[in-house]
N, C-alpha and C. Protein backbone atom coordinates (compact mmCIF):
# COMPACT_ATOMS: atom_id res chain seq x y z
N UNK A 1 66.82 47.49 107.90
CA UNK A 1 66.01 48.07 108.98
C UNK A 1 64.75 47.22 109.19
N UNK A 2 64.41 46.92 110.46
CA UNK A 2 63.25 46.10 110.74
C UNK A 2 61.97 46.89 110.51
N UNK A 3 60.90 46.23 110.01
CA UNK A 3 59.63 46.90 109.83
C UNK A 3 59.12 47.46 111.15
N UNK A 4 58.35 48.56 111.07
CA UNK A 4 57.86 49.24 112.26
C UNK A 4 57.02 48.32 113.12
N UNK A 5 56.18 47.46 112.48
CA UNK A 5 55.32 46.64 113.31
C UNK A 5 56.10 45.63 114.13
N UNK A 6 57.32 45.26 113.67
CA UNK A 6 58.16 44.36 114.48
C UNK A 6 58.69 45.09 115.70
N UNK A 7 59.09 46.35 115.52
CA UNK A 7 59.64 47.09 116.63
C UNK A 7 58.59 47.31 117.71
N UNK A 8 57.35 47.53 117.31
CA UNK A 8 56.28 47.73 118.27
C UNK A 8 55.88 46.42 118.93
N UNK A 9 55.85 45.35 118.16
CA UNK A 9 55.42 44.07 118.70
C UNK A 9 56.45 43.47 119.65
N UNK A 10 57.69 43.83 119.48
CA UNK A 10 58.76 43.20 120.26
C UNK A 10 58.58 43.39 121.76
N UNK A 11 57.97 44.51 122.16
CA UNK A 11 57.83 44.77 123.59
C UNK A 11 56.49 44.31 124.14
N UNK A 12 55.61 43.80 123.28
CA UNK A 12 54.28 43.45 123.74
C UNK A 12 53.83 42.06 123.32
N UNK A 13 54.72 41.27 122.78
CA UNK A 13 54.33 39.94 122.29
C UNK A 13 54.06 38.99 123.44
N UNK A 14 53.34 37.95 123.13
CA UNK A 14 53.05 36.92 124.12
C UNK A 14 54.35 36.27 124.58
N UNK A 15 54.65 36.30 125.86
CA UNK A 15 55.94 35.77 126.32
C UNK A 15 55.98 34.25 126.39
N UNK A 16 54.85 33.60 126.18
CA UNK A 16 54.83 32.15 126.31
C UNK A 16 55.76 31.50 125.31
N UNK A 17 56.58 30.57 125.81
CA UNK A 17 57.57 29.94 124.95
C UNK A 17 56.91 29.04 123.91
N UNK A 18 55.71 28.56 124.20
CA UNK A 18 55.08 27.62 123.29
C UNK A 18 54.16 28.30 122.29
N UNK A 19 54.28 29.63 122.14
CA UNK A 19 53.47 30.32 121.14
C UNK A 19 53.79 29.79 119.75
N UNK A 20 52.77 29.46 119.00
CA UNK A 20 52.93 28.88 117.68
C UNK A 20 52.23 29.75 116.65
N UNK A 21 53.01 30.45 115.82
CA UNK A 21 52.43 31.33 114.81
C UNK A 21 51.60 30.57 113.79
N UNK A 22 51.89 29.27 113.63
CA UNK A 22 51.13 28.47 112.67
C UNK A 22 49.67 28.30 113.09
N UNK A 23 49.41 28.47 114.37
CA UNK A 23 48.05 28.29 114.87
C UNK A 23 47.16 29.50 114.65
N UNK A 24 47.75 30.63 114.25
CA UNK A 24 46.98 31.86 114.08
C UNK A 24 46.25 31.85 112.74
N UNK A 25 44.95 32.03 112.80
CA UNK A 25 44.12 32.08 111.60
C UNK A 25 44.05 33.52 111.10
N UNK A 26 44.39 33.73 109.83
CA UNK A 26 44.43 35.08 109.27
C UNK A 26 43.07 35.77 109.33
N UNK A 27 42.02 35.05 109.03
CA UNK A 27 40.68 35.66 109.08
C UNK A 27 40.34 36.08 110.50
N UNK A 28 40.74 35.29 111.49
CA UNK A 28 40.54 35.68 112.88
C UNK A 28 41.25 36.99 113.18
N UNK A 29 42.48 37.13 112.67
CA UNK A 29 43.23 38.36 112.89
C UNK A 29 42.54 39.56 112.24
N UNK A 30 42.02 39.36 111.05
CA UNK A 30 41.37 40.44 110.30
C UNK A 30 40.02 40.84 110.89
N UNK A 31 39.39 39.95 111.62
CA UNK A 31 38.06 40.20 112.16
C UNK A 31 38.07 40.36 113.68
N UNK A 32 39.22 40.68 114.23
CA UNK A 32 39.36 41.02 115.65
C UNK A 32 38.99 39.87 116.58
N UNK A 33 39.26 38.66 116.17
CA UNK A 33 38.94 37.51 117.02
C UNK A 33 40.18 36.93 117.71
N UNK A 34 41.31 37.63 117.62
CA UNK A 34 42.51 37.21 118.33
C UNK A 34 42.67 38.02 119.61
N UNK A 35 43.40 37.46 120.57
CA UNK A 35 43.86 38.25 121.70
C UNK A 35 45.04 39.10 121.22
N UNK A 36 45.19 40.28 121.80
CA UNK A 36 46.25 41.18 121.35
C UNK A 36 47.65 40.57 121.46
N UNK A 37 48.01 39.86 122.55
CA UNK A 37 49.34 39.25 122.60
C UNK A 37 49.57 38.22 121.51
N UNK A 38 48.52 37.46 121.16
CA UNK A 38 48.67 36.46 120.09
C UNK A 38 48.92 37.14 118.75
N UNK A 39 48.21 38.24 118.50
CA UNK A 39 48.46 38.95 117.24
C UNK A 39 49.89 39.48 117.20
N UNK A 40 50.34 40.07 118.30
CA UNK A 40 51.69 40.63 118.31
C UNK A 40 52.76 39.55 118.16
N UNK A 41 52.50 38.38 118.73
CA UNK A 41 53.42 37.27 118.54
C UNK A 41 53.49 36.86 117.08
N UNK A 42 52.33 36.86 116.43
CA UNK A 42 52.28 36.53 115.01
C UNK A 42 53.03 37.58 114.19
N UNK A 43 52.84 38.86 114.54
CA UNK A 43 53.52 39.95 113.82
C UNK A 43 55.03 39.83 113.96
N UNK A 44 55.49 39.46 115.14
CA UNK A 44 56.93 39.27 115.34
C UNK A 44 57.45 38.13 114.49
N UNK A 45 56.70 37.03 114.46
CA UNK A 45 57.13 35.87 113.66
C UNK A 45 57.16 36.23 112.18
N UNK A 46 56.19 37.02 111.74
CA UNK A 46 56.13 37.42 110.34
C UNK A 46 57.33 38.28 109.96
N UNK A 47 57.69 39.19 110.86
CA UNK A 47 58.78 40.11 110.55
C UNK A 47 60.15 39.50 110.73
N UNK A 48 60.22 38.33 111.34
CA UNK A 48 61.52 37.71 111.59
C UNK A 48 62.20 37.24 110.31
N UNK A 49 61.39 36.95 109.29
CA UNK A 49 61.95 36.51 108.01
C UNK A 49 62.41 35.06 108.05
N UNK A 50 62.87 34.60 106.91
CA UNK A 50 63.38 33.24 106.84
C UNK A 50 62.32 32.23 106.47
N UNK A 51 62.76 30.98 106.33
CA UNK A 51 61.89 29.91 105.85
C UNK A 51 60.80 29.55 106.85
N UNK A 52 61.00 29.87 108.13
CA UNK A 52 60.02 29.53 109.15
C UNK A 52 59.03 30.66 109.44
N UNK A 53 59.19 31.80 108.80
CA UNK A 53 58.26 32.91 109.00
C UNK A 53 56.90 32.55 108.39
N UNK A 54 55.80 33.08 108.97
CA UNK A 54 54.47 32.72 108.47
C UNK A 54 54.26 32.98 106.98
N UNK A 55 54.81 34.07 106.45
CA UNK A 55 54.58 34.36 105.04
C UNK A 55 55.21 33.30 104.14
N UNK A 56 56.42 32.86 104.50
CA UNK A 56 57.10 31.82 103.71
C UNK A 56 56.37 30.48 103.82
N UNK A 57 55.97 30.11 105.03
CA UNK A 57 55.32 28.82 105.24
C UNK A 57 53.92 28.76 104.63
N UNK A 58 53.28 29.93 104.51
CA UNK A 58 51.92 29.97 103.97
C UNK A 58 51.86 30.33 102.49
N UNK A 59 53.01 30.57 101.90
CA UNK A 59 53.04 30.86 100.47
C UNK A 59 52.62 32.27 100.10
N UNK A 60 52.75 33.22 101.04
CA UNK A 60 52.42 34.60 100.73
C UNK A 60 53.53 35.23 99.88
N UNK A 61 53.14 36.10 98.97
CA UNK A 61 54.12 36.80 98.13
C UNK A 61 54.09 38.29 98.45
N UNK A 62 55.25 38.83 98.83
CA UNK A 62 55.32 40.25 99.18
C UNK A 62 55.15 41.10 97.92
N UNK A 63 54.36 42.15 98.04
CA UNK A 63 54.05 43.02 96.92
C UNK A 63 54.79 44.35 97.02
N UNK A 64 55.06 44.94 95.88
CA UNK A 64 55.58 46.31 95.88
C UNK A 64 54.43 47.27 96.14
N UNK A 65 54.68 48.30 96.92
CA UNK A 65 53.63 49.24 97.25
C UNK A 65 54.19 50.66 97.34
N UNK A 66 53.34 51.63 97.04
CA UNK A 66 53.72 53.03 97.17
C UNK A 66 53.39 53.57 98.56
N UNK A 67 52.83 52.71 99.40
CA UNK A 67 52.47 53.12 100.75
C UNK A 67 53.60 52.76 101.72
N UNK A 68 54.32 53.76 102.24
CA UNK A 68 55.46 53.46 103.12
C UNK A 68 55.05 52.96 104.50
N UNK A 69 53.76 53.03 104.82
CA UNK A 69 53.29 52.65 106.14
C UNK A 69 52.66 51.26 106.16
N UNK A 70 52.82 50.52 105.08
CA UNK A 70 52.18 49.21 105.00
C UNK A 70 53.06 48.21 104.26
N UNK A 71 53.04 46.98 104.73
CA UNK A 71 53.70 45.88 104.04
C UNK A 71 52.60 44.98 103.50
N UNK A 72 52.59 44.77 102.18
CA UNK A 72 51.48 44.09 101.53
C UNK A 72 51.88 42.73 100.97
N UNK A 73 50.90 41.82 100.96
CA UNK A 73 51.13 40.45 100.49
C UNK A 73 50.00 40.00 99.57
N UNK A 74 50.35 39.10 98.66
CA UNK A 74 49.38 38.38 97.84
C UNK A 74 49.26 36.98 98.41
N UNK A 75 48.04 36.57 98.73
CA UNK A 75 47.81 35.24 99.27
C UNK A 75 47.70 34.21 98.15
N UNK A 76 48.03 32.97 98.41
CA UNK A 76 47.92 31.94 97.37
C UNK A 76 46.48 31.59 97.04
N UNK A 77 45.56 31.90 97.94
CA UNK A 77 44.13 31.64 97.71
C UNK A 77 43.33 32.72 98.41
N UNK A 78 42.18 33.10 97.85
CA UNK A 78 41.40 34.19 98.45
C UNK A 78 40.75 33.78 99.77
N UNK A 79 40.51 34.79 100.59
CA UNK A 79 39.73 34.64 101.82
C UNK A 79 38.49 35.52 101.68
N UNK A 80 37.50 35.29 102.53
CA UNK A 80 36.26 36.05 102.46
C UNK A 80 36.09 36.90 103.71
N UNK A 81 35.78 38.19 103.51
CA UNK A 81 35.59 39.13 104.59
C UNK A 81 34.30 39.91 104.38
N UNK A 82 33.79 40.49 105.45
CA UNK A 82 32.60 41.34 105.39
C UNK A 82 31.44 40.65 104.69
N UNK A 83 31.29 39.38 104.97
CA UNK A 83 30.16 38.64 104.43
C UNK A 83 30.43 37.92 103.13
N UNK A 84 30.77 38.69 102.08
CA UNK A 84 30.91 38.05 100.77
C UNK A 84 32.01 38.63 99.89
N UNK A 85 32.89 39.44 100.46
CA UNK A 85 33.97 40.02 99.66
C UNK A 85 35.19 39.10 99.68
N UNK A 86 35.57 38.60 98.54
CA UNK A 86 36.74 37.73 98.44
C UNK A 86 37.97 38.58 98.10
N UNK A 87 39.09 38.28 98.75
CA UNK A 87 40.32 39.00 98.46
C UNK A 87 41.52 38.10 98.71
N UNK A 88 42.56 38.32 97.95
CA UNK A 88 43.84 37.64 98.20
C UNK A 88 44.94 38.68 98.44
N UNK A 89 44.53 39.92 98.74
CA UNK A 89 45.46 41.03 98.95
C UNK A 89 45.30 41.52 100.38
N UNK A 90 46.37 41.44 101.17
CA UNK A 90 46.33 41.90 102.55
C UNK A 90 47.51 42.84 102.82
N UNK A 91 47.42 43.56 103.93
CA UNK A 91 48.50 44.47 104.29
C UNK A 91 48.64 44.59 105.79
N UNK A 92 49.87 44.77 106.26
CA UNK A 92 50.15 44.94 107.68
C UNK A 92 50.62 46.36 107.94
N UNK A 93 49.99 47.00 108.94
CA UNK A 93 50.39 48.34 109.36
C UNK A 93 51.23 48.21 110.62
N UNK A 94 51.46 49.34 111.30
CA UNK A 94 52.30 49.31 112.50
C UNK A 94 51.70 48.43 113.59
N UNK A 95 50.37 48.37 113.68
CA UNK A 95 49.77 47.57 114.76
C UNK A 95 48.53 46.81 114.33
N UNK A 96 48.41 46.54 113.04
CA UNK A 96 47.22 45.82 112.61
C UNK A 96 47.36 45.21 111.23
N UNK A 97 46.26 44.63 110.77
CA UNK A 97 46.23 43.95 109.48
C UNK A 97 44.92 44.27 108.78
N UNK A 98 44.97 44.43 107.46
CA UNK A 98 43.78 44.74 106.68
C UNK A 98 43.72 43.88 105.43
N UNK A 99 42.51 43.69 104.94
CA UNK A 99 42.31 43.07 103.64
C UNK A 99 41.82 44.13 102.68
N UNK A 100 42.24 44.04 101.42
CA UNK A 100 41.83 45.00 100.39
C UNK A 100 40.61 44.44 99.67
N UNK A 101 39.47 45.10 99.83
CA UNK A 101 38.22 44.60 99.26
C UNK A 101 37.82 45.42 98.04
N UNK A 102 37.22 44.77 97.06
CA UNK A 102 36.80 45.44 95.83
C UNK A 102 35.49 46.19 96.07
N UNK A 103 35.61 47.32 96.74
CA UNK A 103 34.48 48.21 96.98
C UNK A 103 35.01 49.65 97.05
N UNK A 104 34.70 50.48 96.05
CA UNK A 104 35.25 51.83 96.03
C UNK A 104 34.67 52.76 97.09
N UNK A 105 33.49 52.43 97.63
CA UNK A 105 32.86 53.27 98.66
C UNK A 105 32.87 52.53 99.99
N UNK A 106 33.80 52.86 100.90
CA UNK A 106 33.89 52.15 102.17
C UNK A 106 32.60 52.19 103.00
N UNK A 107 31.79 53.22 102.82
CA UNK A 107 30.57 53.34 103.61
C UNK A 107 29.60 52.20 103.34
N UNK A 108 29.68 51.60 102.15
CA UNK A 108 28.80 50.47 101.81
C UNK A 108 29.06 49.31 102.76
N UNK A 109 30.33 49.11 103.13
CA UNK A 109 30.69 48.04 104.05
C UNK A 109 30.58 48.52 105.50
N UNK A 110 30.93 49.77 105.74
CA UNK A 110 30.99 50.28 107.11
C UNK A 110 29.62 50.47 107.74
N UNK A 111 28.65 50.94 106.97
CA UNK A 111 27.34 51.27 107.55
C UNK A 111 26.67 50.08 108.21
N UNK A 112 26.59 48.90 107.57
CA UNK A 112 25.96 47.75 108.24
C UNK A 112 26.70 47.31 109.51
N UNK A 113 27.97 47.67 109.61
CA UNK A 113 28.75 47.28 110.78
C UNK A 113 28.80 48.37 111.84
N UNK A 114 28.04 49.43 111.62
CA UNK A 114 27.94 50.49 112.61
C UNK A 114 29.19 51.33 112.76
N UNK A 115 29.93 51.49 111.66
CA UNK A 115 31.17 52.26 111.69
C UNK A 115 30.99 53.54 110.87
N UNK A 116 31.19 54.69 111.50
CA UNK A 116 31.02 55.98 110.84
C UNK A 116 32.37 56.52 110.38
N UNK A 117 32.34 57.42 109.43
CA UNK A 117 33.54 58.03 108.89
C UNK A 117 33.96 59.22 109.76
N UNK A 118 35.09 59.10 110.44
CA UNK A 118 35.60 60.19 111.26
C UNK A 118 36.17 61.32 110.41
N UNK A 119 36.33 61.07 109.12
CA UNK A 119 36.89 62.08 108.20
C UNK A 119 35.82 62.59 107.23
N UNK A 120 34.56 62.48 107.59
CA UNK A 120 33.46 62.88 106.72
C UNK A 120 33.56 64.38 106.40
N UNK A 121 33.69 64.74 105.10
CA UNK A 121 33.84 66.16 104.75
C UNK A 121 32.51 66.92 104.68
N UNK A 122 31.39 66.21 104.81
CA UNK A 122 30.09 66.84 104.60
C UNK A 122 29.83 68.03 105.51
N UNK A 123 30.10 67.96 106.82
CA UNK A 123 29.87 69.14 107.66
C UNK A 123 30.63 70.38 107.19
N UNK A 124 31.88 70.18 106.77
CA UNK A 124 32.68 71.31 106.28
C UNK A 124 32.12 71.84 104.98
N UNK A 125 31.71 70.93 104.09
CA UNK A 125 31.12 71.36 102.81
C UNK A 125 29.87 72.19 103.05
N UNK A 126 29.00 71.74 103.96
CA UNK A 126 27.78 72.48 104.25
C UNK A 126 28.08 73.86 104.83
N UNK A 127 29.10 73.92 105.68
CA UNK A 127 29.48 75.20 106.29
C UNK A 127 30.00 76.18 105.24
N UNK A 128 30.80 75.68 104.32
CA UNK A 128 31.36 76.55 103.29
C UNK A 128 30.30 77.03 102.31
N UNK A 129 29.42 76.13 101.92
CA UNK A 129 28.38 76.54 100.98
C UNK A 129 27.39 77.50 101.63
N UNK A 130 27.17 77.34 102.93
CA UNK A 130 26.26 78.24 103.64
C UNK A 130 26.78 79.67 103.67
N UNK A 131 28.09 79.82 103.57
CA UNK A 131 28.68 81.16 103.59
C UNK A 131 28.38 81.93 102.30
N UNK A 132 28.01 81.21 101.25
CA UNK A 132 27.71 81.85 99.98
C UNK A 132 28.92 82.23 99.16
N UNK A 133 30.09 81.92 99.66
CA UNK A 133 31.32 82.30 98.95
C UNK A 133 31.77 81.25 97.94
N UNK A 134 31.22 80.05 98.06
CA UNK A 134 31.63 78.97 97.17
C UNK A 134 30.45 78.01 97.01
N UNK A 135 30.39 77.36 95.87
CA UNK A 135 29.30 76.41 95.63
C UNK A 135 29.78 74.99 95.94
N UNK A 136 28.82 74.09 96.13
CA UNK A 136 29.16 72.68 96.36
C UNK A 136 29.95 72.13 95.17
N UNK A 137 29.54 72.49 93.96
CA UNK A 137 30.23 71.98 92.78
C UNK A 137 31.69 72.41 92.77
N UNK A 138 31.95 73.65 93.18
CA UNK A 138 33.33 74.14 93.21
C UNK A 138 34.15 73.38 94.26
N UNK A 139 33.55 73.11 95.40
CA UNK A 139 34.26 72.38 96.45
C UNK A 139 34.58 70.96 96.00
N UNK A 140 33.56 70.27 95.50
CA UNK A 140 33.74 68.88 95.11
C UNK A 140 34.72 68.73 93.96
N UNK A 141 34.84 69.76 93.13
CA UNK A 141 35.80 69.72 92.04
C UNK A 141 37.24 69.69 92.58
N UNK A 142 37.43 70.30 93.75
CA UNK A 142 38.77 70.36 94.34
C UNK A 142 39.11 69.11 95.16
N UNK A 143 38.09 68.34 95.50
CA UNK A 143 38.33 67.13 96.30
C UNK A 143 38.65 65.98 95.37
N UNK A 144 39.90 65.59 95.33
CA UNK A 144 40.32 64.52 94.42
C UNK A 144 40.25 63.14 95.07
N UNK A 145 40.17 63.12 96.40
CA UNK A 145 40.11 61.83 97.10
C UNK A 145 39.22 61.97 98.33
N UNK A 146 38.19 61.14 98.40
CA UNK A 146 37.28 61.17 99.54
C UNK A 146 37.78 60.18 100.60
N UNK A 147 38.42 60.73 101.63
CA UNK A 147 39.01 59.89 102.66
C UNK A 147 37.94 59.31 103.58
N UNK A 148 38.09 58.01 103.87
CA UNK A 148 37.23 57.35 104.85
C UNK A 148 38.13 56.73 105.91
N UNK A 149 37.80 56.99 107.16
CA UNK A 149 38.54 56.39 108.26
C UNK A 149 37.58 56.21 109.44
N UNK A 150 37.27 54.97 109.74
CA UNK A 150 36.34 54.70 110.83
C UNK A 150 36.75 53.48 111.61
N UNK A 151 36.30 53.43 112.85
CA UNK A 151 36.64 52.30 113.70
C UNK A 151 35.56 52.04 114.73
N UNK A 152 35.54 50.82 115.23
CA UNK A 152 34.65 50.41 116.31
C UNK A 152 35.47 49.65 117.34
N UNK A 153 35.36 50.06 118.59
CA UNK A 153 36.13 49.43 119.66
C UNK A 153 35.54 48.05 119.98
N UNK A 154 36.38 47.04 119.93
CA UNK A 154 35.98 45.67 120.24
C UNK A 154 36.40 45.30 121.66
N UNK A 155 37.61 45.68 122.04
CA UNK A 155 38.14 45.44 123.39
C UNK A 155 38.85 46.70 123.86
N UNK A 156 38.56 47.09 125.10
CA UNK A 156 39.29 48.19 125.74
C UNK A 156 39.38 47.86 127.22
N UNK A 157 40.49 47.26 127.63
CA UNK A 157 40.61 46.77 129.00
C UNK A 157 41.91 47.23 129.64
N UNK A 158 41.83 47.46 130.93
CA UNK A 158 42.99 47.89 131.71
C UNK A 158 43.30 46.84 132.77
N UNK A 159 44.53 46.32 132.76
CA UNK A 159 44.96 45.35 133.77
C UNK A 159 45.95 46.03 134.70
N UNK A 160 45.63 46.14 135.98
CA UNK A 160 46.56 46.79 136.92
C UNK A 160 47.78 45.93 137.16
N UNK A 161 48.83 46.52 137.70
CA UNK A 161 50.03 45.73 138.00
C UNK A 161 49.72 44.59 138.97
N UNK A 162 50.28 43.44 138.72
CA UNK A 162 50.14 42.32 139.64
C UNK A 162 50.98 42.59 140.89
N UNK A 163 50.68 41.93 141.97
CA UNK A 163 51.48 42.13 143.20
C UNK A 163 52.97 41.92 142.91
N UNK A 164 53.76 42.90 143.30
CA UNK A 164 55.20 42.81 143.08
C UNK A 164 55.66 43.34 141.73
N UNK A 165 54.72 43.65 140.83
CA UNK A 165 55.07 44.18 139.52
C UNK A 165 54.95 45.70 139.50
N UNK A 166 55.68 46.34 138.59
CA UNK A 166 55.69 47.80 138.55
C UNK A 166 54.82 48.39 137.45
N UNK A 167 54.29 47.54 136.57
CA UNK A 167 53.46 48.10 135.50
C UNK A 167 52.32 47.14 135.15
N UNK A 168 51.25 47.73 134.63
CA UNK A 168 50.11 46.97 134.14
C UNK A 168 50.03 47.07 132.63
N UNK A 169 48.86 46.75 132.07
CA UNK A 169 48.70 46.76 130.62
C UNK A 169 47.34 47.32 130.21
N UNK A 170 47.36 48.13 129.18
CA UNK A 170 46.12 48.61 128.56
C UNK A 170 46.02 47.95 127.19
N UNK A 171 44.95 47.17 126.99
CA UNK A 171 44.75 46.49 125.71
C UNK A 171 43.58 47.13 124.99
N UNK A 172 43.78 47.40 123.70
CA UNK A 172 42.73 48.00 122.90
C UNK A 172 42.71 47.35 121.51
N UNK A 173 41.57 46.80 121.14
CA UNK A 173 41.40 46.17 119.83
C UNK A 173 40.27 46.89 119.12
N UNK A 174 40.52 47.35 117.91
CA UNK A 174 39.51 48.08 117.16
C UNK A 174 39.32 47.50 115.76
N UNK A 175 38.07 47.37 115.39
CA UNK A 175 37.72 46.97 114.02
C UNK A 175 37.76 48.23 113.17
N UNK A 176 38.54 48.22 112.07
CA UNK A 176 38.76 49.43 111.29
C UNK A 176 38.42 49.25 109.82
N UNK A 177 37.81 50.29 109.27
CA UNK A 177 37.48 50.35 107.85
C UNK A 177 37.97 51.69 107.32
N UNK A 178 38.68 51.66 106.20
CA UNK A 178 39.26 52.90 105.68
C UNK A 178 39.54 52.75 104.19
N UNK A 179 40.14 53.78 103.63
CA UNK A 179 40.68 53.71 102.27
C UNK A 179 41.96 54.52 102.21
N UNK A 180 42.74 54.30 101.16
CA UNK A 180 43.99 55.04 100.97
C UNK A 180 44.14 55.37 99.49
N UNK A 181 44.79 56.48 99.23
CA UNK A 181 44.95 56.93 97.84
C UNK A 181 45.85 56.00 97.04
N UNK A 182 46.70 55.21 97.72
CA UNK A 182 47.59 54.28 97.02
C UNK A 182 46.87 53.01 96.56
N UNK A 183 45.60 52.85 96.97
CA UNK A 183 44.81 51.69 96.55
C UNK A 183 43.44 52.15 96.09
N UNK A 184 43.38 52.85 94.95
CA UNK A 184 42.10 53.37 94.46
C UNK A 184 41.10 52.25 94.19
N UNK A 185 39.84 52.52 94.53
CA UNK A 185 38.79 51.55 94.29
C UNK A 185 38.69 50.45 95.32
N UNK A 186 39.49 50.53 96.38
CA UNK A 186 39.52 49.48 97.40
C UNK A 186 39.07 50.01 98.76
N UNK A 187 38.44 49.14 99.51
CA UNK A 187 38.15 49.40 100.92
C UNK A 187 39.07 48.54 101.77
N UNK A 188 39.71 49.14 102.76
CA UNK A 188 40.60 48.41 103.66
C UNK A 188 39.79 47.99 104.89
N UNK A 189 39.78 46.69 105.14
CA UNK A 189 38.93 46.11 106.17
C UNK A 189 39.80 45.26 107.09
N UNK A 190 39.84 45.60 108.38
CA UNK A 190 40.68 44.80 109.24
C UNK A 190 40.60 45.17 110.70
N UNK A 191 41.71 44.95 111.40
CA UNK A 191 41.71 45.09 112.85
C UNK A 191 43.05 45.65 113.33
N UNK A 192 42.96 46.47 114.37
CA UNK A 192 44.15 47.01 115.01
C UNK A 192 44.27 46.46 116.42
N UNK A 193 45.48 46.04 116.80
CA UNK A 193 45.74 45.47 118.12
C UNK A 193 46.80 46.31 118.82
N UNK A 194 46.46 46.85 119.98
CA UNK A 194 47.41 47.69 120.70
C UNK A 194 47.52 47.24 122.15
N UNK A 195 48.75 47.14 122.62
CA UNK A 195 49.02 46.87 124.03
C UNK A 195 50.00 47.92 124.52
N UNK A 196 49.64 48.58 125.61
CA UNK A 196 50.47 49.66 126.12
C UNK A 196 50.75 49.45 127.60
N UNK A 197 52.02 49.44 128.00
CA UNK A 197 52.33 49.33 129.43
C UNK A 197 51.90 50.59 130.17
N UNK A 198 51.34 50.41 131.37
CA UNK A 198 50.86 51.54 132.17
C UNK A 198 51.39 51.46 133.60
N UNK A 199 51.34 52.60 134.28
CA UNK A 199 51.78 52.62 135.67
C UNK A 199 50.64 52.18 136.58
N UNK A 200 50.84 52.26 137.89
CA UNK A 200 49.85 51.80 138.85
C UNK A 200 48.55 52.58 138.79
N UNK A 201 48.60 53.79 138.21
CA UNK A 201 47.41 54.62 138.06
C UNK A 201 46.74 54.47 136.70
N UNK A 202 47.27 53.57 135.88
CA UNK A 202 46.69 53.34 134.55
C UNK A 202 47.18 54.30 133.50
N UNK A 203 48.20 55.10 133.81
CA UNK A 203 48.71 56.06 132.82
C UNK A 203 49.83 55.42 132.01
N UNK A 204 49.89 55.77 130.71
CA UNK A 204 50.95 55.19 129.85
C UNK A 204 52.34 55.48 130.38
N UNK A 205 53.20 54.50 130.27
CA UNK A 205 54.60 54.69 130.70
C UNK A 205 55.41 55.32 129.59
C-alpha cells in the first residue's frame, strides 16, 4: 500500500517534466521556503521508492515508529533548525515534514516564533478549579501528556481558474510546532504544504 502522503501528492505535484527532486533542500522544506508544488513533487519522488528516490540517493535510513501517521528517517548527518537545534531525525506526515528537536517543552521554541498552543489545557484547568470540585494538583495528576499543537500561516493564496479551465487552486503553507506521545522529550518542528483544487467560486471541489 502506498503511503498516504504519496496519494495526496499525486494529484497536486508540479506537472513540469523537468522537476528535479535532487534540487530540493531539506532545510528549505522544513522551514517553509519551498513552493507547495515543489514540495509535493519531492514527496512523490520520495514515496516512489527505488535507487533513484531521494531517501536512497541521500543516504537516509527509514526508522521503525509507533506512529502510524508518520514515516521517519535517520539522516546521515545532522541539520540545524530553529536557530541552534541539531537533529538527524525527520518525519513525513500526510502533507508535511518535521524535524525532531531535543526540547521537551515545545513552547520554548514556539514562543519566539509567535506560535501559540491551540491545545493549551490552562483555560480548562482554571475553569475546573474555579468550580471548587477539584484541585489543580488532582487535575495535573491525571494529565499524563501535555499536548502542544500550533501553527503560523506562511502562505494562503487562491488562484482562480485560468481562461478555459474548470478549476483553480488554493495553496496553504503553515509553519508547525507540536509534540507527540510516540516521541517523548521531543519537539516536532516543520512545515505543512497543502494544495486544494477549487471551483470558480473558490470552493473546494
